[in-house]
């Protein structure tokens, strides 16, 4: 709901200034989608790199005491 208000809210100001609100909304929506796709890819890449790092490090088991 908040995201919708952020995207649609400035359309009122655009129409009051005489600008085309549909074009402004399309630009805002495309930027929102682009940022969303960027964040999904960034999270996927970080998770991939983290999983590679944990697979590359050897897993040492603690030795049993000799006592």
N, C-alpha and C. Protein backbone atom coordinates (compact mmCIF):
# COMPACT_ATOMS: atom_id res chain seq x y z
N UNK A 1 0.82 -1.19 0.00
CA UNK A 1 0.00 0.00 0.00
C UNK A 1 0.87 1.25 0.00
N UNK A 2 1.91 1.25 0.81
CA UNK A 2 2.79 2.42 0.88
C UNK A 2 3.51 2.61 -0.45
N UNK A 3 3.95 1.51 -1.06
CA UNK A 3 4.63 1.60 -2.34
C UNK A 3 3.70 2.19 -3.40
N UNK A 4 2.45 1.79 -3.37
CA UNK A 4 1.49 2.32 -4.33
C UNK A 4 1.30 3.83 -4.13
N UNK A 5 1.26 4.27 -2.89
CA UNK A 5 1.13 5.72 -2.63
C UNK A 5 2.37 6.47 -3.10
N UNK A 6 3.54 5.86 -2.95
CA UNK A 6 4.77 6.50 -3.40
C UNK A 6 4.78 6.60 -4.93
N UNK A 7 4.27 5.57 -5.60
CA UNK A 7 4.28 5.58 -7.07
C UNK A 7 3.17 6.45 -7.65
N UNK A 8 1.99 6.43 -7.06
CA UNK A 8 0.84 7.14 -7.63
C UNK A 8 0.73 8.56 -7.09
N UNK A 9 1.20 8.80 -5.88
CA UNK A 9 1.06 10.11 -5.25
C UNK A 9 1.58 11.27 -6.08
N UNK A 10 2.79 11.18 -6.62
CA UNK A 10 3.30 12.30 -7.41
C UNK A 10 2.53 12.55 -8.70
N UNK A 11 1.69 11.63 -9.14
CA UNK A 11 0.89 11.85 -10.34
C UNK A 11 -0.07 13.02 -10.15
N UNK A 12 -0.52 13.22 -8.93
CA UNK A 12 -1.41 14.37 -8.65
C UNK A 12 -0.64 15.66 -8.89
N UNK A 13 0.59 15.70 -8.42
CA UNK A 13 1.41 16.90 -8.62
C UNK A 13 1.75 17.08 -10.10
N UNK A 14 2.00 15.98 -10.81
CA UNK A 14 2.30 16.08 -12.23
C UNK A 14 1.12 16.64 -13.00
N UNK A 15 -0.09 16.18 -12.69
CA UNK A 15 -1.26 16.68 -13.42
C UNK A 15 -1.54 18.13 -13.06
N UNK A 16 -1.22 18.55 -11.83
CA UNK A 16 -1.43 19.95 -11.44
C UNK A 16 -0.45 20.86 -12.18
N UNK A 17 0.74 20.36 -12.48
CA UNK A 17 1.73 21.16 -13.19
C UNK A 17 1.56 21.12 -14.70
N UNK A 18 0.63 20.32 -15.18
CA UNK A 18 0.39 20.24 -16.62
C UNK A 18 1.20 19.18 -17.31
N UNK A 19 1.95 18.37 -16.56
CA UNK A 19 2.72 17.30 -17.17
C UNK A 19 1.82 16.09 -17.39
N UNK A 20 2.28 15.18 -18.23
CA UNK A 20 1.51 13.97 -18.51
C UNK A 20 1.69 12.98 -17.35
N UNK A 21 0.65 12.72 -16.58
CA UNK A 21 0.81 11.82 -15.43
C UNK A 21 1.06 10.36 -15.84
N UNK A 22 0.59 9.96 -17.01
CA UNK A 22 0.77 8.58 -17.45
C UNK A 22 2.24 8.29 -17.77
N UNK A 23 2.89 9.25 -18.41
CA UNK A 23 4.31 9.09 -18.72
C UNK A 23 5.13 9.07 -17.44
N UNK A 24 4.82 9.98 -16.53
CA UNK A 24 5.56 10.03 -15.27
C UNK A 24 5.35 8.74 -14.47
N UNK A 25 4.14 8.21 -14.48
CA UNK A 25 3.86 6.95 -13.77
C UNK A 25 4.63 5.80 -14.42
N UNK A 26 4.67 5.79 -15.75
CA UNK A 26 5.41 4.72 -16.44
C UNK A 26 6.89 4.78 -16.11
N UNK A 27 7.44 5.97 -16.02
CA UNK A 27 8.86 6.11 -15.65
C UNK A 27 9.08 5.63 -14.23
N UNK A 28 8.22 6.05 -13.31
CA UNK A 28 8.36 5.63 -11.92
C UNK A 28 8.21 4.12 -11.77
N UNK A 29 7.25 3.53 -12.45
CA UNK A 29 7.02 2.10 -12.36
C UNK A 29 8.19 1.32 -12.96
N UNK A 30 8.71 1.80 -14.08
CA UNK A 30 9.85 1.10 -14.69
C UNK A 30 11.09 1.19 -13.80
N UNK A 31 11.29 2.32 -13.15
CA UNK A 31 12.40 2.44 -12.21
C UNK A 31 12.21 1.52 -11.01
N UNK A 32 10.99 1.41 -10.52
CA UNK A 32 10.68 0.52 -9.40
C UNK A 32 10.96 -0.93 -9.78
N UNK A 33 10.54 -1.33 -10.97
CA UNK A 33 10.78 -2.70 -11.43
C UNK A 33 12.28 -2.94 -11.62
N UNK A 34 12.99 -1.97 -12.18
CA UNK A 34 14.43 -2.11 -12.40
C UNK A 34 15.18 -2.25 -11.08
N UNK A 35 14.83 -1.45 -10.09
CA UNK A 35 15.48 -1.54 -8.78
C UNK A 35 15.15 -2.87 -8.11
N UNK A 36 13.92 -3.35 -8.28
CA UNK A 36 13.54 -4.63 -7.70
C UNK A 36 14.33 -5.77 -8.32
N UNK A 37 14.45 -5.77 -9.64
CA UNK A 37 15.23 -6.82 -10.32
C UNK A 37 16.70 -6.74 -9.92
N UNK A 38 17.23 -5.52 -9.81
CA UNK A 38 18.62 -5.34 -9.39
C UNK A 38 18.83 -5.92 -7.98
N UNK A 39 17.91 -5.64 -7.07
CA UNK A 39 18.09 -6.13 -5.70
C UNK A 39 17.98 -7.65 -5.63
N UNK A 40 17.08 -8.24 -6.41
CA UNK A 40 16.96 -9.69 -6.43
C UNK A 40 18.24 -10.32 -6.96
N UNK A 41 18.79 -9.77 -8.04
CA UNK A 41 20.03 -10.31 -8.60
C UNK A 41 21.21 -10.12 -7.64
N UNK A 42 21.26 -8.99 -6.94
CA UNK A 42 22.34 -8.75 -5.99
C UNK A 42 22.29 -9.74 -4.84
N UNK A 43 21.09 -9.99 -4.32
CA UNK A 43 20.94 -10.97 -3.23
C UNK A 43 21.31 -12.36 -3.73
N UNK A 44 20.87 -12.71 -4.92
CA UNK A 44 21.20 -14.03 -5.48
C UNK A 44 22.72 -14.18 -5.63
N UNK A 45 23.39 -13.14 -6.13
CA UNK A 45 24.83 -13.20 -6.32
C UNK A 45 25.56 -13.33 -4.98
N UNK A 46 25.14 -12.57 -3.98
CA UNK A 46 25.78 -12.65 -2.67
C UNK A 46 25.58 -14.03 -2.05
N UNK A 47 24.39 -14.59 -2.17
CA UNK A 47 24.13 -15.93 -1.64
C UNK A 47 24.97 -16.97 -2.38
N UNK A 48 25.12 -16.81 -3.69
CA UNK A 48 25.93 -17.74 -4.48
C UNK A 48 27.39 -17.68 -4.06
N UNK A 49 27.92 -16.46 -3.89
CA UNK A 49 29.30 -16.30 -3.47
C UNK A 49 29.53 -16.86 -2.07
N UNK A 50 28.56 -16.66 -1.20
CA UNK A 50 28.68 -17.19 0.17
C UNK A 50 28.67 -18.70 0.17
N UNK A 51 27.83 -19.30 -0.65
CA UNK A 51 27.77 -20.76 -0.69
C UNK A 51 29.05 -21.33 -1.30
N UNK A 52 29.65 -20.64 -2.26
CA UNK A 52 30.92 -21.10 -2.83
C UNK A 52 32.03 -21.01 -1.80
N UNK A 53 32.00 -19.96 -0.97
CA UNK A 53 33.03 -19.79 0.03
C UNK A 53 32.95 -20.88 1.09
N UNK A 54 31.75 -21.23 1.51
CA UNK A 54 31.61 -22.27 2.53
C UNK A 54 31.96 -23.63 1.98
N UNK A 55 31.76 -23.86 0.69
CA UNK A 55 32.14 -25.14 0.09
C UNK A 55 33.65 -25.22 -0.11
N UNK A 56 34.31 -24.08 -0.32
CA UNK A 56 35.74 -24.08 -0.59
C UNK A 56 36.57 -24.25 0.68
N UNK A 57 36.05 -23.80 1.81
CA UNK A 57 36.81 -23.92 3.05
C UNK A 57 36.67 -25.34 3.58
N UNK A 58 37.78 -25.95 3.98
CA UNK A 58 37.69 -27.31 4.51
C UNK A 58 37.01 -27.32 5.87
N UNK A 59 36.28 -28.35 6.11
CA UNK A 59 35.57 -28.50 7.37
C UNK A 59 36.41 -29.37 8.30
N UNK A 60 37.04 -28.76 9.29
CA UNK A 60 37.87 -29.49 10.23
C UNK A 60 37.04 -29.95 11.40
N UNK A 61 37.26 -31.18 11.78
CA UNK A 61 36.61 -31.72 12.96
C UNK A 61 37.58 -31.62 14.13
N UNK A 62 37.10 -31.25 15.29
CA UNK A 62 38.00 -31.17 16.41
C UNK A 62 38.53 -32.56 16.76
N UNK A 63 39.82 -32.62 17.08
CA UNK A 63 40.41 -33.89 17.43
C UNK A 63 40.01 -34.29 18.85
N UNK A 64 39.88 -35.57 19.04
CA UNK A 64 39.58 -36.07 20.37
C UNK A 64 40.82 -35.97 21.24
N UNK A 65 40.62 -35.71 22.47
CA UNK A 65 41.77 -35.61 23.36
C UNK A 65 42.42 -36.97 23.55
N UNK A 66 43.70 -36.96 23.79
CA UNK A 66 44.46 -38.20 23.93
C UNK A 66 44.41 -38.73 25.35
N UNK A 67 43.78 -38.03 26.25
CA UNK A 67 43.71 -38.47 27.64
C UNK A 67 42.71 -39.54 27.86
